[in-house]
PDB file of N, CA and C in Angstrom:
ATOM      1  N   MET A   1     -11.978  -3.991  63.870  1.00  0.00           N
ATOM      2  CA  MET A   1     -11.157  -3.563  64.977  1.00  0.00           C
ATOM      3  C   MET A   1     -10.810  -2.092  64.784  1.00  0.00           C
ATOM      4  N   ALA A   2     -10.847  -1.352  65.861  1.00  0.00           N
ATOM      5  CA  ALA A   2     -10.599   0.080  65.792  1.00  0.00           C
ATOM      6  C   ALA A   2      -9.115   0.428  65.870  1.00  0.00           C
ATOM      7  N   LEU A   3      -8.368  -0.198  66.779  1.00  0.00           N
ATOM      8  CA  LEU A   3      -6.966   0.147  66.987  1.00  0.00           C
ATOM      9  C   LEU A   3      -6.096  -1.091  67.104  1.00  0.00           C
ATOM     10  N   THR A   4      -4.913  -1.047  66.484  1.00  0.00           N
ATOM     11  CA  THR A   4      -3.902  -2.076  66.657  1.00  0.00           C
ATOM     12  C   THR A   4      -2.598  -1.374  66.994  1.00  0.00           C
ATOM     13  N   TYR A   5      -1.957  -1.791  68.075  1.00  0.00           N
ATOM     14  CA  TYR A   5      -0.688  -1.200  68.470  1.00  0.00           C
ATOM     15  C   TYR A   5       0.376  -2.274  68.528  1.00  0.00           C
ATOM     16  N   GLY A   6       1.554  -1.946  67.976  1.00  0.00           N
ATOM     17  CA  GLY A   6       2.640  -2.900  67.884  1.00  0.00           C
ATOM     18  C   GLY A   6       3.739  -2.668  68.891  1.00  0.00           C
ATOM     19  N   ILE A   7       4.855  -3.265  68.621  1.00  0.00           N
ATOM     20  CA  ILE A   7       5.983  -3.320  69.543  1.00  0.00           C
ATOM     21  C   ILE A   7       6.377  -1.932  70.044  1.00  0.00           C
ATOM     22  N   GLN A   8       6.478  -1.804  71.357  1.00  0.00           N
ATOM     23  CA  GLN A   8       6.959  -0.641  72.081  1.00  0.00           C
ATOM     24  C   GLN A   8       6.149   0.628  71.835  1.00  0.00           C
ATOM     25  N   SER A   9       4.923   0.504  71.406  1.00  0.00           N
ATOM     26  CA  SER A   9       4.116   1.711  71.265  1.00  0.00           C
ATOM     27  C   SER A   9       3.485   2.065  72.600  1.00  0.00           C
ATOM     28  N   LYS A  10       3.272   3.339  72.827  1.00  0.00           N
ATOM     29  CA  LYS A  10       2.662   3.793  74.068  1.00  0.00           C
ATOM     30  C   LYS A  10       1.658   4.876  73.727  1.00  0.00           C
ATOM     31  N   VAL A  11       0.462   4.741  74.218  1.00  0.00           N
ATOM     32  CA  VAL A  11      -0.592   5.699  73.904  1.00  0.00           C
ATOM     33  C   VAL A  11      -1.246   6.175  75.189  1.00  0.00           C
ATOM     34  N   MET A  12      -1.356   7.470  75.340  1.00  0.00           N
ATOM     35  CA  MET A  12      -2.099   8.057  76.453  1.00  0.00           C
ATOM     36  C   MET A  12      -3.330   8.715  75.827  1.00  0.00           C
ATOM     37  N   THR A  13      -4.504   8.377  76.285  1.00  0.00           N
ATOM     38  CA  THR A  13      -5.712   8.876  75.639  1.00  0.00           C
ATOM     39  C   THR A  13      -6.491   9.813  76.533  1.00  0.00           C
ATOM     40  N   GLY A  14      -7.391  10.586  75.937  1.00  0.00           N
ATOM     41  CA  GLY A  14      -8.325  11.432  76.667  1.00  0.00           C
ATOM     42  C   GLY A  14      -9.643  10.693  76.780  1.00  0.00           C
ATOM     43  N   THR A  15     -10.712  11.301  76.354  1.00  0.00           N
ATOM     44  CA  THR A  15     -12.018  10.663  76.380  1.00  0.00           C
ATOM     45  C   THR A  15     -12.241   9.949  75.060  1.00  0.00           C
ATOM     46  N   ILE A  16     -12.610   8.669  75.139  1.00  0.00           N
ATOM     47  CA  ILE A  16     -12.788   7.887  73.925  1.00  0.00           C
ATOM     48  C   ILE A  16     -13.919   6.878  74.119  1.00  0.00           C
ATOM     49  N   THR A  17     -14.688   6.677  73.074  1.00  0.00           N
ATOM     50  CA  THR A  17     -15.753   5.676  73.092  1.00  0.00           C
ATOM     51  C   THR A  17     -15.547   4.738  71.918  1.00  0.00           C
ATOM     52  N   PHE A  18     -15.524   3.438  72.210  1.00  0.00           N
ATOM     53  CA  PHE A  18     -15.490   2.402  71.191  1.00  0.00           C
ATOM     54  C   PHE A  18     -16.891   1.803  71.161  1.00  0.00           C
ATOM     55  N   LYS A  19     -17.616   1.985  70.077  1.00  0.00           N
ATOM     56  CA  LYS A  19     -18.998   1.523  70.012  1.00  0.00           C
ATOM     57  C   LYS A  19     -19.216   0.708  68.740  1.00  0.00           C
ATOM     58  N   ASN A  20     -19.810  -0.459  68.920  1.00  0.00           N
ATOM     59  CA  ASN A  20     -20.141  -1.353  67.807  1.00  0.00           C
ATOM     60  C   ASN A  20     -18.919  -1.756  66.983  1.00  0.00           C
ATOM     61  N   CYS A  21     -17.763  -1.897  67.628  1.00  0.00           N
ATOM     62  CA  CYS A  21     -16.548  -2.349  66.940  1.00  0.00           C
ATOM     63  C   CYS A  21     -16.634  -3.855  66.723  1.00  0.00           C
ATOM     64  N   ARG A  22     -16.107  -4.323  65.601  1.00  0.00           N
ATOM     65  CA  ARG A  22     -16.174  -5.743  65.260  1.00  0.00           C
ATOM     66  C   ARG A  22     -14.836  -6.238  64.746  1.00  0.00           C
ATOM     67  N   SER A  23     -14.520  -7.498  65.084  1.00  0.00           N
ATOM     68  CA  SER A  23     -13.361  -8.176  64.529  1.00  0.00           C
ATOM     69  C   SER A  23     -13.722  -9.638  64.332  1.00  0.00           C
ATOM     70  N   SER A  24     -13.350 -10.195  63.195  1.00  0.00           N
ATOM     71  CA  SER A  24     -13.602 -11.620  62.964  1.00  0.00           C
ATOM     72  C   SER A  24     -12.559 -12.476  63.676  1.00  0.00           C
ATOM     73  N   GLY A  25     -11.537 -11.834  64.233  1.00  0.00           N
ATOM     74  CA  GLY A  25     -10.492 -12.547  64.959  1.00  0.00           C
ATOM     75  C   GLY A  25     -10.385 -12.112  66.400  1.00  0.00           C
ATOM     76  N   THR A  26      -9.365 -11.316  66.692  1.00  0.00           N
ATOM     77  CA  THR A  26      -9.072 -10.933  68.073  1.00  0.00           C
ATOM     78  C   THR A  26      -9.240  -9.435  68.308  1.00  0.00           C
ATOM     79  N   GLY A  27      -9.783  -9.081  69.478  1.00  0.00           N
ATOM     80  CA  GLY A  27      -9.901  -7.689  69.881  1.00  0.00           C
ATOM     81  C   GLY A  27     -10.894  -6.877  69.082  1.00  0.00           C
ATOM     82  N   GLY A  28     -12.141  -6.832  69.543  1.00  0.00           N
ATOM     83  CA  GLY A  28     -13.166  -6.073  68.832  1.00  0.00           C
ATOM     84  C   GLY A  28     -12.842  -4.601  68.709  1.00  0.00           C
ATOM     85  N   ALA A  29     -12.288  -3.987  69.760  1.00  0.00           N
ATOM     86  CA  ALA A  29     -11.940  -2.563  69.730  1.00  0.00           C
ATOM     87  C   ALA A  29     -10.430  -2.351  69.672  1.00  0.00           C
ATOM     88  N   ILE A  30      -9.680  -3.084  70.502  1.00  0.00           N
ATOM     89  CA  ILE A  30      -8.230  -2.877  70.591  1.00  0.00           C
ATOM     90  C   ILE A  30      -7.504  -4.215  70.559  1.00  0.00           C
ATOM     91  N   LEU A  31      -6.445  -4.289  69.751  1.00  0.00           N
ATOM     92  CA  LEU A  31      -5.522  -5.420  69.727  1.00  0.00           C
ATOM     93  C   LEU A  31      -4.154  -4.884  70.118  1.00  0.00           C
ATOM     94  N   LEU A  32      -3.612  -5.358  71.233  1.00  0.00           N
ATOM     95  CA  LEU A  32      -2.280  -4.947  71.679  1.00  0.00           C
ATOM     96  C   LEU A  32      -1.294  -6.066  71.387  1.00  0.00           C
ATOM     97  N   LEU A  33      -0.354  -5.793  70.506  1.00  0.00           N
ATOM     98  CA  LEU A  33       0.655  -6.776  70.149  1.00  0.00           C
ATOM     99  C   LEU A  33       1.755  -6.793  71.204  1.00  0.00           C
ATOM    100  N   SER A  34       2.661  -7.764  71.117  1.00  0.00           N
ATOM    101  CA  SER A  34       3.722  -7.928  72.118  1.00  0.00           C
ATOM    102  C   SER A  34       4.475  -6.643  72.373  1.00  0.00           C
ATOM    103  N   TRP A  35       4.722  -6.369  73.652  1.00  0.00           N
ATOM    104  CA  TRP A  35       5.497  -5.237  74.140  1.00  0.00           C
ATOM    105  C   TRP A  35       4.828  -3.891  73.866  1.00  0.00           C
ATOM    106  N   SER A  36       3.533  -3.873  73.688  1.00  0.00           N
ATOM    107  CA  SER A  36       2.840  -2.607  73.488  1.00  0.00           C
ATOM    108  C   SER A  36       2.128  -2.182  74.771  1.00  0.00           C
ATOM    109  N   ILE A  37       1.892  -0.885  74.889  1.00  0.00           N
ATOM    110  CA  ILE A  37       1.266  -0.323  76.081  1.00  0.00           C
ATOM    111  C   ILE A  37       0.134   0.597  75.651  1.00  0.00           C
ATOM    112  N   PHE A  38      -1.010   0.445  76.276  1.00  0.00           N
ATOM    113  CA  PHE A  38      -2.144   1.343  76.065  1.00  0.00           C
ATOM    114  C   PHE A  38      -2.602   1.761  77.445  1.00  0.00           C
ATOM    115  N   TRP A  39      -2.502   3.034  77.757  1.00  0.00           N
ATOM    116  CA  TRP A  39      -2.715   3.508  79.112  1.00  0.00           C
ATOM    117  C   TRP A  39      -3.709   4.652  79.128  1.00  0.00           C
ATOM    118  N   PHE A  40      -4.716   4.563  79.988  1.00  0.00           N
ATOM    119  CA  PHE A  40      -5.676   5.638  80.185  1.00  0.00           C
ATOM    120  C   PHE A  40      -5.265   6.423  81.419  1.00  0.00           C
ATOM    121  N   SER A  41      -5.019   7.723  81.271  1.00  0.00           N
ATOM    122  CA  SER A  41      -4.553   8.546  82.385  1.00  0.00           C
ATOM    123  C   SER A  41      -5.697   8.888  83.339  1.00  0.00           C
ATOM    124  N   GLN A  42      -5.355   9.548  84.441  1.00  0.00           N
ATOM    125  CA  GLN A  42      -6.346   9.924  85.459  1.00  0.00           C
ATOM    126  C   GLN A  42      -7.434  10.822  84.899  1.00  0.00           C
ATOM    127  N   THR A  43      -7.125  11.616  83.920  1.00  0.00           N
ATOM    128  CA  THR A  43      -8.093  12.568  83.376  1.00  0.00           C
ATOM    129  C   THR A  43      -8.865  12.008  82.180  1.00  0.00           C
ATOM    130  N   SER A  44      -8.643  10.759  81.852  1.00  0.00           N
ATOM    131  CA  SER A  44      -9.315  10.178  80.690  1.00  0.00           C
ATOM    132  C   SER A  44     -10.508   9.330  81.106  1.00  0.00           C
ATOM    133  N   SER A  45     -11.318   9.008  80.128  1.00  0.00           N
ATOM    134  CA  SER A  45     -12.392   8.043  80.337  1.00  0.00           C
ATOM    135  C   SER A  45     -12.518   7.211  79.069  1.00  0.00           C
ATOM    136  N   ALA A  46     -12.912   5.971  79.248  1.00  0.00           N
ATOM    137  CA  ALA A  46     -13.048   5.067  78.113  1.00  0.00           C
ATOM    138  C   ALA A  46     -14.335   4.278  78.240  1.00  0.00           C
ATOM    139  N   LYS A  47     -15.017   4.137  77.122  1.00  0.00           N
ATOM    140  CA  LYS A  47     -16.231   3.319  77.075  1.00  0.00           C
ATOM    141  C   LYS A  47     -16.073   2.314  75.951  1.00  0.00           C
ATOM    142  N   PHE A  48     -16.319   1.057  76.280  1.00  0.00           N
ATOM    143  CA  PHE A  48     -16.311  -0.029  75.314  1.00  0.00           C
ATOM    144  C   PHE A  48     -17.733  -0.564  75.265  1.00  0.00           C
ATOM    145  N   LEU A  49     -18.473  -0.219  74.232  1.00  0.00           N
ATOM    146  CA  LEU A  49     -19.898  -0.527  74.157  1.00  0.00           C
ATOM    147  C   LEU A  49     -20.215  -1.397  72.948  1.00  0.00           C
ATOM    148  N   ASN A  50     -20.775  -2.572  73.213  1.00  0.00           N
ATOM    149  CA  ASN A  50     -21.256  -3.462  72.157  1.00  0.00           C
ATOM    150  C   ASN A  50     -20.158  -3.837  71.159  1.00  0.00           C
ATOM    151  N   CYS A  51     -18.956  -4.120  71.666  1.00  0.00           N
ATOM    152  CA  CYS A  51     -17.858  -4.570  70.812  1.00  0.00           C
ATOM    153  C   CYS A  51     -17.887  -6.091  70.729  1.00  0.00           C
ATOM    154  N   LYS A  52     -17.457  -6.641  69.602  1.00  0.00           N
ATOM    155  CA  LYS A  52     -17.567  -8.087  69.398  1.00  0.00           C
ATOM    156  C   LYS A  52     -16.357  -8.610  68.622  1.00  0.00           C
ATOM    157  N   ALA A  53     -15.853  -9.765  69.065  1.00  0.00           N
ATOM    158  CA  ALA A  53     -14.760 -10.451  68.379  1.00  0.00           C
ATOM    159  C   ALA A  53     -14.851 -11.934  68.681  1.00  0.00           C
ATOM    160  N   LYS A  54     -14.087 -12.722  67.949  1.00  0.00           N
ATOM    161  CA  LYS A  54     -14.030 -14.149  68.246  1.00  0.00           C
ATOM    162  C   LYS A  54     -13.419 -14.345  69.631  1.00  0.00           C
ATOM    163  N   ILE A  55     -12.315 -13.651  69.906  1.00  0.00           N
ATOM    164  CA  ILE A  55     -11.644 -13.718  71.204  1.00  0.00           C
ATOM    165  C   ILE A  55     -11.317 -12.285  71.640  1.00  0.00           C
ATOM    166  N   GLY A  56     -11.616 -11.954  72.886  1.00  0.00           N
ATOM    167  CA  GLY A  56     -11.379 -10.599  73.386  1.00  0.00           C
ATOM    168  C   GLY A  56     -12.392  -9.626  72.820  1.00  0.00           C
ATOM    169  N   GLY A  57     -13.630  -9.742  73.273  1.00  0.00           N
ATOM    170  CA  GLY A  57     -14.722  -8.938  72.732  1.00  0.00           C
ATOM    171  C   GLY A  57     -14.392  -7.469  72.584  1.00  0.00           C
ATOM    172  N   ALA A  58     -13.806  -6.852  73.608  1.00  0.00           N
ATOM    173  CA  ALA A  58     -13.415  -5.439  73.537  1.00  0.00           C
ATOM    174  C   ALA A  58     -11.911  -5.292  73.322  1.00  0.00           C
ATOM    175  N   VAL A  59     -11.103  -6.037  74.095  1.00  0.00           N
ATOM    176  CA  VAL A  59      -9.645  -5.871  74.062  1.00  0.00           C
ATOM    177  C   VAL A  59      -8.959  -7.231  74.065  1.00  0.00           C
ATOM    178  N   TYR A  60      -7.925  -7.374  73.241  1.00  0.00           N
ATOM    179  CA  TYR A  60      -7.090  -8.572  73.216  1.00  0.00           C
ATOM    180  C   TYR A  60      -5.648  -8.148  73.447  1.00  0.00           C
ATOM    181  N   LEU A  61      -5.004  -8.740  74.453  1.00  0.00           N
ATOM    182  CA  LEU A  61      -3.609  -8.443  74.767  1.00  0.00           C
ATOM    183  C   LEU A  61      -2.756  -9.664  74.468  1.00  0.00           C
ATOM    184  N   THR A  62      -1.661  -9.478  73.729  1.00  0.00           N
ATOM    185  CA  THR A  62      -0.722 -10.570  73.504  1.00  0.00           C
ATOM    186  C   THR A  62       0.349 -10.536  74.592  1.00  0.00           C
ATOM    187  N   ASP A  63       1.276 -11.498  74.541  1.00  0.00           N
ATOM    188  CA  ASP A  63       2.336 -11.586  75.554  1.00  0.00           C
ATOM    189  C   ASP A  63       3.047 -10.259  75.755  1.00  0.00           C
ATOM    190  N   HIS A  64       3.287  -9.921  76.997  1.00  0.00           N
ATOM    191  CA  HIS A  64       4.074  -8.757  77.393  1.00  0.00           C
ATOM    192  C   HIS A  64       3.453  -7.423  76.990  1.00  0.00           C
ATOM    193  N   SER A  65       2.167  -7.401  76.728  1.00  0.00           N
ATOM    194  CA  SER A  65       1.506  -6.125  76.465  1.00  0.00           C
ATOM    195  C   SER A  65       0.793  -5.669  77.727  1.00  0.00           C
ATOM    196  N   GLU A  66       0.458  -4.377  77.788  1.00  0.00           N
ATOM    197  CA  GLU A  66      -0.085  -3.812  79.017  1.00  0.00           C
ATOM    198  C   GLU A  66      -1.250  -2.880  78.711  1.00  0.00           C
ATOM    199  N   LEU A  67      -2.329  -3.060  79.455  1.00  0.00           N
ATOM    200  CA  LEU A  67      -3.483  -2.180  79.397  1.00  0.00           C
ATOM    201  C   LEU A  67      -3.670  -1.622  80.796  1.00  0.00           C
ATOM    202  N   GLY A  68      -3.730  -0.302  80.928  1.00  0.00           N
ATOM    203  CA  GLY A  68      -3.830   0.293  82.254  1.00  0.00           C
ATOM    204  C   GLY A  68      -4.886   1.361  82.349  1.00  0.00           C
ATOM    205  N   PHE A  69      -5.546   1.389  83.498  1.00  0.00           N
ATOM    206  CA  PHE A  69      -6.534   2.413  83.813  1.00  0.00           C
ATOM    207  C   PHE A  69      -6.100   3.069  85.116  1.00  0.00           C
ATOM    208  N   GLU A  70      -5.547   4.264  85.033  1.00  0.00           N
ATOM    209  CA  GLU A  70      -5.049   4.965  86.205  1.00  0.00           C
ATOM    210  C   GLU A  70      -6.226   5.643  86.924  1.00  0.00           C
ATOM    211  N   GLN A  71      -6.392   5.338  88.194  1.00  0.00           N
ATOM    212  CA  GLN A  71      -7.476   5.917  88.983  1.00  0.00           C
ATOM    213  C   GLN A  71      -6.954   7.085  89.812  1.00  0.00           C
ATOM    214  N   ILE A  72      -7.836   7.988  90.148  1.00  0.00           N
ATOM    215  CA  ILE A  72      -7.493   9.102  91.024  1.00  0.00           C
ATOM    216  C   ILE A  72      -7.680   8.608  92.461  1.00  0.00           C
ATOM    217  N   PRO A  73      -6.600   8.480  93.250  1.00  0.00           N
ATOM    218  CA  PRO A  73      -6.704   7.889  94.589  1.00  0.00           C
ATOM    219  C   PRO A  73      -7.714   8.572  95.512  1.00  0.00           C
ATOM    220  N   SER A  74      -7.781   9.893  95.484  1.00  0.00           N
ATOM    221  CA  SER A  74      -8.678  10.592  96.410  1.00  0.00           C
ATOM    222  C   SER A  74     -10.121  10.659  95.921  1.00  0.00           C
ATOM    223  N   ASN A  75     -10.354  10.337  94.659  1.00  0.00           N
ATOM    224  CA  ASN A  75     -11.698  10.444  94.104  1.00  0.00           C
ATOM    225  C   ASN A  75     -11.918   9.407  93.005  1.00  0.00           C
ATOM    226  N   PRO A  76     -11.880   8.121  93.338  1.00  0.00           N
ATOM    227  CA  PRO A  76     -12.095   7.114  92.296  1.00  0.00           C
ATOM    228  C   PRO A  76     -13.526   7.184  91.774  1.00  0.00           C
ATOM    229  N   ASN A  77     -13.667   7.125  90.488  1.00  0.00           N
ATOM    230  CA  ASN A  77     -14.979   7.182  89.851  1.00  0.00           C
ATOM    231  C   ASN A  77     -15.173   5.920  89.014  1.00  0.00           C
ATOM    232  N   PRO A  78     -15.890   4.935  89.534  1.00  0.00           N
ATOM    233  CA  PRO A  78     -16.012   3.665  88.826  1.00  0.00           C
ATOM    234  C   PRO A  78     -16.791   3.761  87.515  1.00  0.00           C
ATOM    235  N   THR A  79     -17.489   4.856  87.280  1.00  0.00           N
ATOM    236  CA  THR A  79     -18.235   4.982  86.030  1.00  0.00           C
ATOM    237  C   THR A  79     -17.419   5.641  84.925  1.00  0.00           C
ATOM    238  N   ARG A  80     -16.192   6.013  85.214  1.00  0.00           N
ATOM    239  CA  ARG A  80     -15.351   6.676  84.220  1.00  0.00           C
ATOM    240  C   ARG A  80     -14.934   5.737  83.094  1.00  0.00           C
ATOM    241  N   ASN A  81     -14.659   4.479  83.409  1.00  0.00           N
ATOM    242  CA  ASN A  81     -14.274   3.475  82.413  1.00  0.00           C
ATOM    243  C   ASN A  81     -15.324   2.377  82.421  1.00  0.00           C
ATOM    244  N   ILE A  82     -15.968   2.202  81.278  1.00  0.00           N
ATOM    245  CA  ILE A  82     -17.124   1.313  81.211  1.00  0.00           C
ATOM    246  C   ILE A  82     -16.939   0.252  80.129  1.00  0.00           C
ATOM    247  N   PHE A  83     -17.232  -0.998  80.491  1.00  0.00           N
ATOM    248  CA  PHE A  83     -17.332  -2.106  79.548  1.00  0.00           C
ATOM    249  C   PHE A  83     -18.773  -2.590  79.618  1.00  0.00           C
ATOM    250  N   ASP A  84     -19.539  -2.458  78.524  1.00  0.00           N
ATOM    251  CA  ASP A  84     -20.951  -2.821  78.556  1.00  0.00           C
ATOM    252  C   ASP A  84     -21.370  -3.498  77.253  1.00  0.00           C
ATOM    253  N   SER A  85     -22.052  -4.623  77.379  1.00  0.00           N
ATOM    254  CA  SER A  85     -22.658  -5.356  76.256  1.00  0.00           C
ATOM    255  C   SER A  85     -21.640  -5.813  75.215  1.00  0.00           C
ATOM    256  N   ASN A  86     -20.416  -6.149  75.655  1.00  0.00           N
ATOM    257  CA  ASN A  86     -19.414  -6.699  74.748  1.00  0.00           C
ATOM    258  C   ASN A  86     -19.596  -8.210  74.671  1.00  0.00           C
ATOM    259  N   SER A  87     -19.132  -8.803  73.569  1.00  0.00           N
ATOM    260  CA  SER A  87     -19.289 -10.250  73.439  1.00  0.00           C
ATOM    261  C   SER A  87     -18.120 -10.864  72.677  1.00  0.00           C
ATOM    262  N   ALA A  88     -17.877 -12.135  72.991  1.00  0.00           N
ATOM    263  CA  ALA A  88     -16.858 -12.925  72.310  1.00  0.00           C
ATOM    264  C   ALA A  88     -17.484 -14.259  71.947  1.00  0.00           C
ATOM    265  N   ILE A  89     -17.388 -14.629  70.679  1.00  0.00           N
ATOM    266  CA  ILE A  89     -18.057 -15.853  70.243  1.00  0.00           C
ATOM    267  C   ILE A  89     -17.273 -17.101  70.594  1.00  0.00           C
ATOM    268  N   GLY A  90     -16.014 -16.936  71.012  1.00  0.00           N
ATOM    269  CA  GLY A  90     -15.252 -18.064  71.544  1.00  0.00           C
ATOM    270  C   GLY A  90     -14.324 -18.737  70.566  1.00  0.00           C
ATOM    271  N   SER A  91     -13.404 -19.485  71.136  1.00  0.00           N
ATOM    272  CA  SER A  91     -12.438 -20.257  70.364  1.00  0.00           C
ATOM    273  C   SER A  91     -12.726 -21.739  70.560  1.00  0.00           C
ATOM    274  N   SER A  92     -12.050 -22.559  69.789  1.00  0.00           N
ATOM    275  CA  SER A  92     -12.244 -24.004  69.908  1.00  0.00           C
ATOM    276  C   SER A  92     -11.794 -24.523  71.270  1.00  0.00           C
ATOM    277  N   GLU A  93     -10.902 -23.786  71.957  1.00  0.00           N
ATOM    278  CA  GLU A  93     -10.441 -24.177  73.291  1.00  0.00           C
ATOM    279  C   GLU A  93     -11.426 -23.745  74.371  1.00  0.00           C
ATOM    280  N   GLY A  94     -12.427 -22.952  74.030  1.00  0.00           N
ATOM    281  CA  GLY A  94     -13.426 -22.521  74.993  1.00  0.00           C
ATOM    282  C   GLY A  94     -13.080 -21.240  75.730  1.00  0.00           C
ATOM    283  N   ASN A  95     -11.922 -20.659  75.481  1.00  0.00           N
ATOM    284  CA  ASN A  95     -11.526 -19.402  76.119  1.00  0.00           C
ATOM    285  C   ASN A  95     -11.866 -18.250  75.191  1.00  0.00           C
ATOM    286  N   SER A  96     -12.499 -17.209  75.742  1.00  0.00           N
ATOM    287  CA  SER A  96     -12.888 -16.138  74.827  1.00  0.00           C
ATOM    288  C   SER A  96     -12.703 -14.726  75.364  1.00  0.00           C
ATOM    289  N   GLY A  97     -12.875 -14.458  76.630  1.00  0.00           N
ATOM    290  CA  GLY A  97     -12.712 -13.112  77.183  1.00  0.00           C
ATOM    291  C   GLY A  97     -13.720 -12.116  76.638  1.00  0.00           C
ATOM    292  N   VAL A  98     -14.884 -12.069  77.241  1.00  0.00           N
ATOM    293  CA  VAL A  98     -15.958 -11.212  76.748  1.00  0.00           C
ATOM    294  C   VAL A  98     -15.519  -9.748  76.684  1.00  0.00           C
ATOM    295  N   ALA A  99     -14.915  -9.209  77.732  1.00  0.00           N
ATOM    296  CA  ALA A  99     -14.451  -7.822  77.729  1.00  0.00           C
ATOM    297  C   ALA A  99     -12.959  -7.751  77.363  1.00  0.00           C
ATOM    298  N   ILE A 100     -12.115  -8.492  78.101  1.00  0.00           N
ATOM    299  CA  ILE A 100     -10.676  -8.466  77.898  1.00  0.00           C
ATOM    300  C   ILE A 100     -10.138  -9.894  77.882  1.00  0.00           C
ATOM    301  N   PHE A 101      -9.275 -10.190  76.919  1.00  0.00           N
ATOM    302  CA  PHE A 101      -8.595 -11.481  76.872  1.00  0.00           C
ATOM    303  C   PHE A 101      -7.106 -11.214  76.874  1.00  0.00           C
ATOM    304  N   SER A 102      -6.364 -11.895  77.754  1.00  0.00           N
ATOM    305  CA  SER A 102      -4.926 -11.754  77.836  1.00  0.00           C
ATOM    306  C   SER A 102      -4.249 -13.081  77.489  1.00  0.00           C
ATOM    307  N   GLN A 103      -3.502 -13.082  76.394  1.00  0.00           N
ATOM    308  CA  GLN A 103      -2.805 -14.286  75.943  1.00  0.00           C
ATOM    309  C   GLN A 103      -1.532 -14.454  76.749  1.00  0.00           C
ATOM    310  N   THR A 104      -1.248 -15.669  77.185  1.00  0.00           N
ATOM    311  CA  THR A 104       0.011 -15.968  77.845  1.00  0.00           C
ATOM    312  C   THR A 104       0.676 -17.114  77.130  1.00  0.00           C
ATOM    313  N   SER A 105       1.995 -17.130  77.161  1.00  0.00           N
ATOM    314  CA  SER A 105       2.709 -18.212  76.464  1.00  0.00           C
ATOM    315  C   SER A 105       2.980 -19.357  77.397  1.00  0.00           C
TER     316      SER A 105
END
């Protein structure tokens, strides 16, 4: 796993690529713990490429955590944030979230 953020953390990022990230548990690239925020601003871009985890291939969010991608209203660019070739091997309950998994209580 590349990044883990805990309670009340807030991160604003620029351009970032998560490539070939691995986790034997949750969140191949990012694990957001309760009450954490990870936000990509209008001027940022994010790529999640070939990330793998048991649950949440690229991103795993726990209760009350937030992942946001702010778009530019007048010029949305769908290629700015990319999730490609991520995988989740799954849990015994059958829920896995190939790109993003959000845990609820």
